[in-house]
Amino acid sequence: MIRYAKETDLQEIVDIFNQAIHTRASVGYTTEKTVDERKDWFARHTKESYPIFVAEQDHTIVGFISINPYRKGRDAFKKTGEVDCFVRNEWKGKGIGNELLQYLLPQAKKLGYRTLIAIVLDQNIASRKLLEKNDFEQWGLLPEIGEIDGTIFSHVYYGKKL
């Protein structure tokens, strides 16, 4: 089941996000986040502008996807959203990310978004394949701009017109 996230889901959302941090290949953060640190992030994600959707199985959140502001505060980009998708480790490879992304795309269009982008680490092959499967195209590359635990990585920009 996919539904809007509720504040009571925040602990599970943070747990999934922290799993992504631990992979060292999914997100640029290097230290875990707490629920308190993510409360403001959650509060800024309203159903009307920047929704968060969760995939729930047997009363457990198995993944989430969100639309985030692209270049926050710059009105010229208000019809462009940045997509983030995370799946609980034990549910990876079961199509949850694809279900979440396919659910989000028509919702984003209804909200008035014209363009969605996703920015991923070049070594995050699973996310890159997910985006490409859903007709996102590689629009840019920022080569060797990050480093985690001695591993240099690039940022790959993907985009999709809705």
C-alpha atoms as a PDB file:
ATOM      1  CA  MET A   1       0.000   0.000   0.000  1.00  0.00           C
ATOM      2  CA  ILE A   2       1.283   3.460  -0.882  1.00  0.00           C
ATOM      3  CA  ARG A   3      -0.026   6.464   1.028  1.00  0.00           C
ATOM      4  CA  TYR A   4       0.890   9.920   2.253  1.00  0.00           C
ATOM      5  CA  ALA A   5       3.401   9.849   5.082  1.00  0.00           C
ATOM      6  CA  LYS A   6       2.195  10.749   8.567  1.00  0.00           C
ATOM      7  CA  GLU A   7       4.261  12.229  11.360  1.00  0.00           C
ATOM      8  CA  THR A   8       3.997   8.902  13.178  1.00  0.00           C
ATOM      9  CA  ASP A   9       5.962   7.364  10.274  1.00  0.00           C
ATOM     10  CA  LEU A  10       8.953   9.617  10.850  1.00  0.00           C
ATOM     11  CA  GLN A  11      10.956   7.166  12.990  1.00  0.00           C
ATOM     12  CA  GLU A  12      10.720   4.473  10.311  1.00  0.00           C
ATOM     13  CA  ILE A  13      11.525   6.998   7.570  1.00  0.00           C
ATOM     14  CA  VAL A  14      14.629   8.089   9.480  1.00  0.00           C
ATOM     15  CA  ASP A  15      15.627   4.450  10.040  1.00  0.00           C
ATOM     16  CA  ILE A  16      15.447   3.793   6.284  1.00  0.00           C
ATOM     17  CA  PHE A  17      17.376   6.995   5.546  1.00  0.00           C
ATOM     18  CA  ASN A  18      20.080   5.988   8.021  1.00  0.00           C
ATOM     19  CA  GLN A  19      20.389   2.609   6.299  1.00  0.00           C
ATOM     20  CA  ALA A  20      21.109   4.529   3.086  1.00  0.00           C
ATOM     21  CA  ILE A  21      23.779   6.581   4.854  1.00  0.00           C
ATOM     22  CA  HIS A  22      25.475   3.375   6.009  1.00  0.00           C
ATOM     23  CA  THR A  23      25.801   2.072   2.429  1.00  0.00           C
ATOM     24  CA  ARG A  24      28.277   4.880   1.691  1.00  0.00           C
ATOM     25  CA  ALA A  25      26.982   4.785  -1.895  1.00  0.00           C
ATOM     26  CA  SER A  26      23.430   6.141  -1.702  1.00  0.00           C
ATOM     27  CA  VAL A  27      23.523   9.614  -0.204  1.00  0.00           C
ATOM     28  CA  GLY A  28      26.148  12.234   0.552  1.00  0.00           C
ATOM     29  CA  TYR A  29      25.585  12.252   4.303  1.00  0.00           C
ATOM     30  CA  THR A  30      28.161  10.425   6.405  1.00  0.00           C
ATOM     31  CA  THR A  31      26.545  10.480   9.859  1.00  0.00           C
ATOM     32  CA  GLU A  32      23.149   9.204  10.945  1.00  0.00           C
ATOM     33  CA  LYS A  33      20.219  11.568  11.354  1.00  0.00           C
ATOM     34  CA  THR A  34      17.845  11.674  14.312  1.00  0.00           C
ATOM     35  CA  VAL A  35      14.097  12.110  14.277  1.00  0.00           C
ATOM     36  CA  ASP A  36      14.554  15.553  15.854  1.00  0.00           C
ATOM     37  CA  GLU A  37      16.933  16.550  13.035  1.00  0.00           C
ATOM     38  CA  ARG A  38      14.397  15.478  10.403  1.00  0.00           C
ATOM     39  CA  LYS A  39      11.267  17.064  11.949  1.00  0.00           C
ATOM     40  CA  ASP A  40      11.689  20.353  10.081  1.00  0.00           C
ATOM     41  CA  TRP A  41      12.330  18.481   6.828  1.00  0.00           C
ATOM     42  CA  PHE A  42       9.136  16.502   7.357  1.00  0.00           C
ATOM     43  CA  ALA A  43       7.087  19.603   8.257  1.00  0.00           C
ATOM     44  CA  ARG A  44       8.127  21.351   5.013  1.00  0.00           C
ATOM     45  CA  HIS A  45       6.773  18.443   2.970  1.00  0.00           C
ATOM     46  CA  THR A  46       3.094  19.220   2.613  1.00  0.00           C
ATOM     47  CA  LYS A  47       0.646  17.241   0.492  1.00  0.00           C
ATOM     48  CA  GLU A  48       0.014  20.371  -1.574  1.00  0.00           C
ATOM     49  CA  SER A  49       3.581  21.087  -2.585  1.00  0.00           C
ATOM     50  CA  TYR A  50       6.240  18.576  -1.527  1.00  0.00           C
ATOM     51  CA  PRO A  51       4.561  15.287  -0.628  1.00  0.00           C
ATOM     52  CA  ILE A  52       6.182  12.280   0.979  1.00  0.00           C
ATOM     53  CA  PHE A  53       4.690   8.896   0.149  1.00  0.00           C
ATOM     54  CA  VAL A  54       5.429   5.686   2.002  1.00  0.00           C
ATOM     55  CA  ALA A  55       5.112   2.068   0.932  1.00  0.00           C
ATOM     56  CA  GLU A  56       3.677   0.038   3.778  1.00  0.00           C
ATOM     57  CA  GLN A  57       3.660  -3.747   4.141  1.00  0.00           C
ATOM     58  CA  ASP A  58       2.252  -5.504   7.220  1.00  0.00           C
ATOM     59  CA  HIS A  59       2.232  -2.235   9.223  1.00  0.00           C
ATOM     60  CA  THR A  60       5.908  -1.586   8.415  1.00  0.00           C
ATOM     61  CA  ILE A  61       7.209   1.232   6.248  1.00  0.00           C
ATOM     62  CA  VAL A  62       9.353  -0.489   3.608  1.00  0.00           C
ATOM     63  CA  GLY A  63      10.232   2.595   1.568  1.00  0.00           C
ATOM     64  CA  PHE A  64       9.494   6.250   0.957  1.00  0.00           C
ATOM     65  CA  ILE A  65       9.697   8.788  -1.827  1.00  0.00           C
ATOM     66  CA  SER A  66       9.513  12.568  -1.671  1.00  0.00           C
ATOM     67  CA  ILE A  67       9.437  15.617  -3.863  1.00  0.00           C
ATOM     68  CA  ASN A  68      11.820  18.268  -2.622  1.00  0.00           C
ATOM     69  CA  PRO A  69      12.372  21.850  -3.719  1.00  0.00           C
ATOM     70  CA  TYR A  70      14.941  22.287  -6.449  1.00  0.00           C
ATOM     71  CA  ARG A  71      16.962  25.446  -5.745  1.00  0.00           C
ATOM     72  CA  LYS A  72      14.779  26.332  -2.759  1.00  0.00           C
ATOM     73  CA  GLY A  73      13.495  29.878  -2.656  1.00  0.00           C
ATOM     74  CA  ARG A  74      14.098  30.567  -6.347  1.00  0.00           C
ATOM     75  CA  ASP A  75      10.669  31.039  -7.887  1.00  0.00           C
ATOM     76  CA  ALA A  76      11.910  30.378 -11.412  1.00  0.00           C
ATOM     77  CA  PHE A  77      12.279  26.697 -10.434  1.00  0.00           C
ATOM     78  CA  LYS A  78       8.977  26.173  -8.595  1.00  0.00           C
ATOM     79  CA  LYS A  79       7.673  23.833 -11.335  1.00  0.00           C
ATOM     80  CA  THR A  80      10.750  21.609 -10.936  1.00  0.00           C
ATOM     81  CA  GLY A  81      10.982  19.105  -8.107  1.00  0.00           C
ATOM     82  CA  GLU A  82      13.819  16.930  -6.900  1.00  0.00           C
ATOM     83  CA  VAL A  83      12.938  13.304  -6.204  1.00  0.00           C
ATOM     84  CA  ASP A  84      14.419  11.180  -3.420  1.00  0.00           C
ATOM     85  CA  CYS A  85      13.548   7.502  -3.015  1.00  0.00           C
ATOM     86  CA  PHE A  86      14.757   5.106  -0.314  1.00  0.00           C
ATOM     87  CA  VAL A  87      13.894   1.471   0.386  1.00  0.00           C
ATOM     88  CA  ARG A  88      14.508  -0.531   3.552  1.00  0.00           C
ATOM     89  CA  ASN A  89      17.521  -2.822   2.996  1.00  0.00           C
ATOM     90  CA  GLU A  90      15.642  -6.088   3.385  1.00  0.00           C
ATOM     91  CA  TRP A  91      13.070  -4.950   0.778  1.00  0.00           C
ATOM     92  CA  LYS A  92      15.516  -3.882  -1.926  1.00  0.00           C
ATOM     93  CA  GLY A  93      15.229  -5.707  -5.236  1.00  0.00           C
ATOM     94  CA  LYS A  94      11.508  -6.400  -4.776  1.00  0.00           C
ATOM     95  CA  GLY A  95      10.165  -3.543  -6.910  1.00  0.00           C
ATOM     96  CA  ILE A  96       9.281  -1.180  -4.044  1.00  0.00           C
ATOM     97  CA  GLY A  97      11.317   1.723  -5.465  1.00  0.00           C
ATOM     98  CA  ASN A  98       9.691   1.263  -8.861  1.00  0.00           C
ATOM     99  CA  GLU A  99       6.195   1.175  -7.340  1.00  0.00           C
ATOM    100  CA  LEU A 100       6.908   4.340  -5.368  1.00  0.00           C
ATOM    101  CA  LEU A 101       8.290   6.187  -8.391  1.00  0.00           C
ATOM    102  CA  GLN A 102       5.418   5.118 -10.649  1.00  0.00           C
ATOM    103  CA  TYR A 103       2.968   6.269  -7.975  1.00  0.00           C
ATOM    104  CA  LEU A 104       4.715   9.616  -7.578  1.00  0.00           C
ATOM    105  CA  LEU A 105       4.921  10.586 -11.256  1.00  0.00           C
ATOM    106  CA  PRO A 106       1.188  11.245 -11.881  1.00  0.00           C
ATOM    107  CA  GLN A 107       0.886  12.860  -8.456  1.00  0.00           C
ATOM    108  CA  ALA A 108       3.682  15.289  -9.329  1.00  0.00           C
ATOM    109  CA  LYS A 109       1.960  16.185 -12.588  1.00  0.00           C
ATOM    110  CA  LYS A 110      -1.340  16.842 -10.743  1.00  0.00           C
ATOM    111  CA  LEU A 111       0.552  19.185  -8.410  1.00  0.00           C
ATOM    112  CA  GLY A 112       1.735  21.224 -11.388  1.00  0.00           C
ATOM    113  CA  TYR A 113       5.304  20.025 -11.692  1.00  0.00           C
ATOM    114  CA  ARG A 114       6.647  20.109 -15.245  1.00  0.00           C
ATOM    115  CA  THR A 115      10.045  18.620 -14.549  1.00  0.00           C
ATOM    116  CA  LEU A 116      11.464  16.194 -12.018  1.00  0.00           C
ATOM    117  CA  ILE A 117      15.135  15.718 -11.375  1.00  0.00           C
ATOM    118  CA  ALA A 118      17.100  13.218  -9.328  1.00  0.00           C
ATOM    119  CA  ILE A 119      20.702  13.664  -8.260  1.00  0.00           C
ATOM    120  CA  VAL A 120      22.489  10.411  -7.480  1.00  0.00           C
ATOM    121  CA  LEU A 121      25.984   9.248  -6.686  1.00  0.00           C
ATOM    122  CA  ASP A 122      27.541   7.666  -9.763  1.00  0.00           C
ATOM    123  CA  GLN A 123      28.204   4.436  -7.866  1.00  0.00           C
ATOM    124  CA  ASN A 124      24.525   4.044  -6.943  1.00  0.00           C
ATOM    125  CA  ILE A 125      23.772   1.682  -9.812  1.00  0.00           C
ATOM    126  CA  ALA A 126      20.391   0.509  -8.482  1.00  0.00           C
ATOM    127  CA  SER A 127      19.011   4.064  -8.353  1.00  0.00           C
ATOM    128  CA  ARG A 128      20.400   4.858 -11.771  1.00  0.00           C
ATOM    129  CA  LYS A 129      18.719   1.770 -13.250  1.00  0.00           C
ATOM    130  CA  LEU A 130      15.433   2.656 -11.524  1.00  0.00           C
ATOM    131  CA  LEU A 131      15.464   6.150 -12.980  1.00  0.00           C
ATOM    132  CA  GLU A 132      16.378   4.967 -16.461  1.00  0.00           C
ATOM    133  CA  LYS A 133      13.645   2.295 -16.330  1.00  0.00           C
ATOM    134  CA  ASN A 134      11.169   5.122 -15.681  1.00  0.00           C
ATOM    135  CA  ASP A 135      12.394   7.239 -18.619  1.00  0.00           C
ATOM    136  CA  PHE A 136      14.573   9.649 -16.693  1.00  0.00           C
ATOM    137  CA  GLU A 137      17.498  10.745 -18.845  1.00  0.00           C
ATOM    138  CA  GLN A 138      20.992  11.633 -17.728  1.00  0.00           C
ATOM    139  CA  TRP A 139      21.180  15.395 -18.065  1.00  0.00           C
ATOM    140  CA  GLY A 140      24.445  16.132 -16.373  1.00  0.00           C
ATOM    141  CA  LEU A 141      27.499  14.977 -14.492  1.00  0.00           C
ATOM    142  CA  LEU A 142      29.547  16.748 -11.861  1.00  0.00           C
ATOM    143  CA  PRO A 143      32.743  14.693 -11.906  1.00  0.00           C
ATOM    144  CA  GLU A 144      34.590  13.688  -8.753  1.00  0.00           C
ATOM    145  CA  ILE A 145      33.036  16.296  -6.489  1.00  0.00           C
ATOM    146  CA  GLY A 146      32.524  14.180  -3.370  1.00  0.00           C
ATOM    147  CA  GLU A 147      34.413  11.827  -1.132  1.00  0.00           C
ATOM    148  CA  ILE A 148      33.226   9.331   1.473  1.00  0.00           C
ATOM    149  CA  ASP A 149      35.729   7.214   3.385  1.00  0.00           C
ATOM    150  CA  GLY A 150      38.400   7.822   0.776  1.00  0.00           C
ATOM    151  CA  THR A 151      36.177   6.940  -2.189  1.00  0.00           C
ATOM    152  CA  ILE A 152      35.777   9.730  -4.731  1.00  0.00           C
ATOM    153  CA  PHE A 153      32.375   9.969  -6.399  1.00  0.00           C
ATOM    154  CA  SER A 154      30.578  12.025  -8.997  1.00  0.00           C
ATOM    155  CA  HIS A 155      27.050  13.394  -8.971  1.00  0.00           C
ATOM    156  CA  VAL A 156      24.839  12.313 -11.842  1.00  0.00           C
ATOM    157  CA  TYR A 157      21.839  14.487 -12.692  1.00  0.00           C
ATOM    158  CA  TYR A 158      18.786  12.787 -14.143  1.00  0.00           C
ATOM    159  CA  GLY A 159      15.692  14.569 -15.435  1.00  0.00           C
ATOM    160  CA  LYS A 160      12.234  13.845 -16.774  1.00  0.00           C
ATOM    161  CA  LYS A 161       9.677  16.134 -18.385  1.00  0.00           C
ATOM    162  CA  LEU A 162       6.153  15.387 -17.190  1.00  0.00           C
END
